Amino acid sequence: MKQYPEPTVGAIIFNPENKVLLCKSKKWGDKYVFPGGHIELGEKMEDALIREVKEETGLEIFDIQLISLQEAVYSDTFEAQRHFIFIDFLCKTNSSHVVLNDEAEEFEWVLLEEIESYDLGGFTRRFFEELKVEHSTFKVHLLYNYI
């Protein structure tokens, strides 16, 4: 078990049809999550995001904007007991052609209004649930003005 929090980045990627990419991951209980991963020592957050998205999906991203911070301390939604700090970004891609690496089994491009009907991983679901609460008007405004 790691003895310190692990900062990770996540990408809410919009394709040219304004659909969001979800990837099904065994690490997250065969649920759909955003692509992303760990920030390496000496790596800037946005550089980690670009690298992780390229490694996991083959996509190039741009128009990167921070949208959310979440924390998970020993959550039962991950395969191991870890302390994660999730740093989520909105971003765009010019392609819908995804080439998955071994971290995901399948993917879907989904309209925002359809996203909660998918079997989302705990922290991906929480991101969208927070969009509905009153104090998250900033996130809603940022998200819907982004697309």
Foldseek 3Di string as FASTA:
>chain_A
DDPDEFEKEFEQEQEPVRFTKWFQFVQQVRFTDGFITTADVPHDHVRRRQVRCCQAWVFGKDPKDWQDWDWDQQDPRGPGGHTYIYTYIYIYTHDPRTDGDPGGDDMDGHHPVCVCVGRHGPVRNVVNVVCPDDVRVVNVVCSVVVD
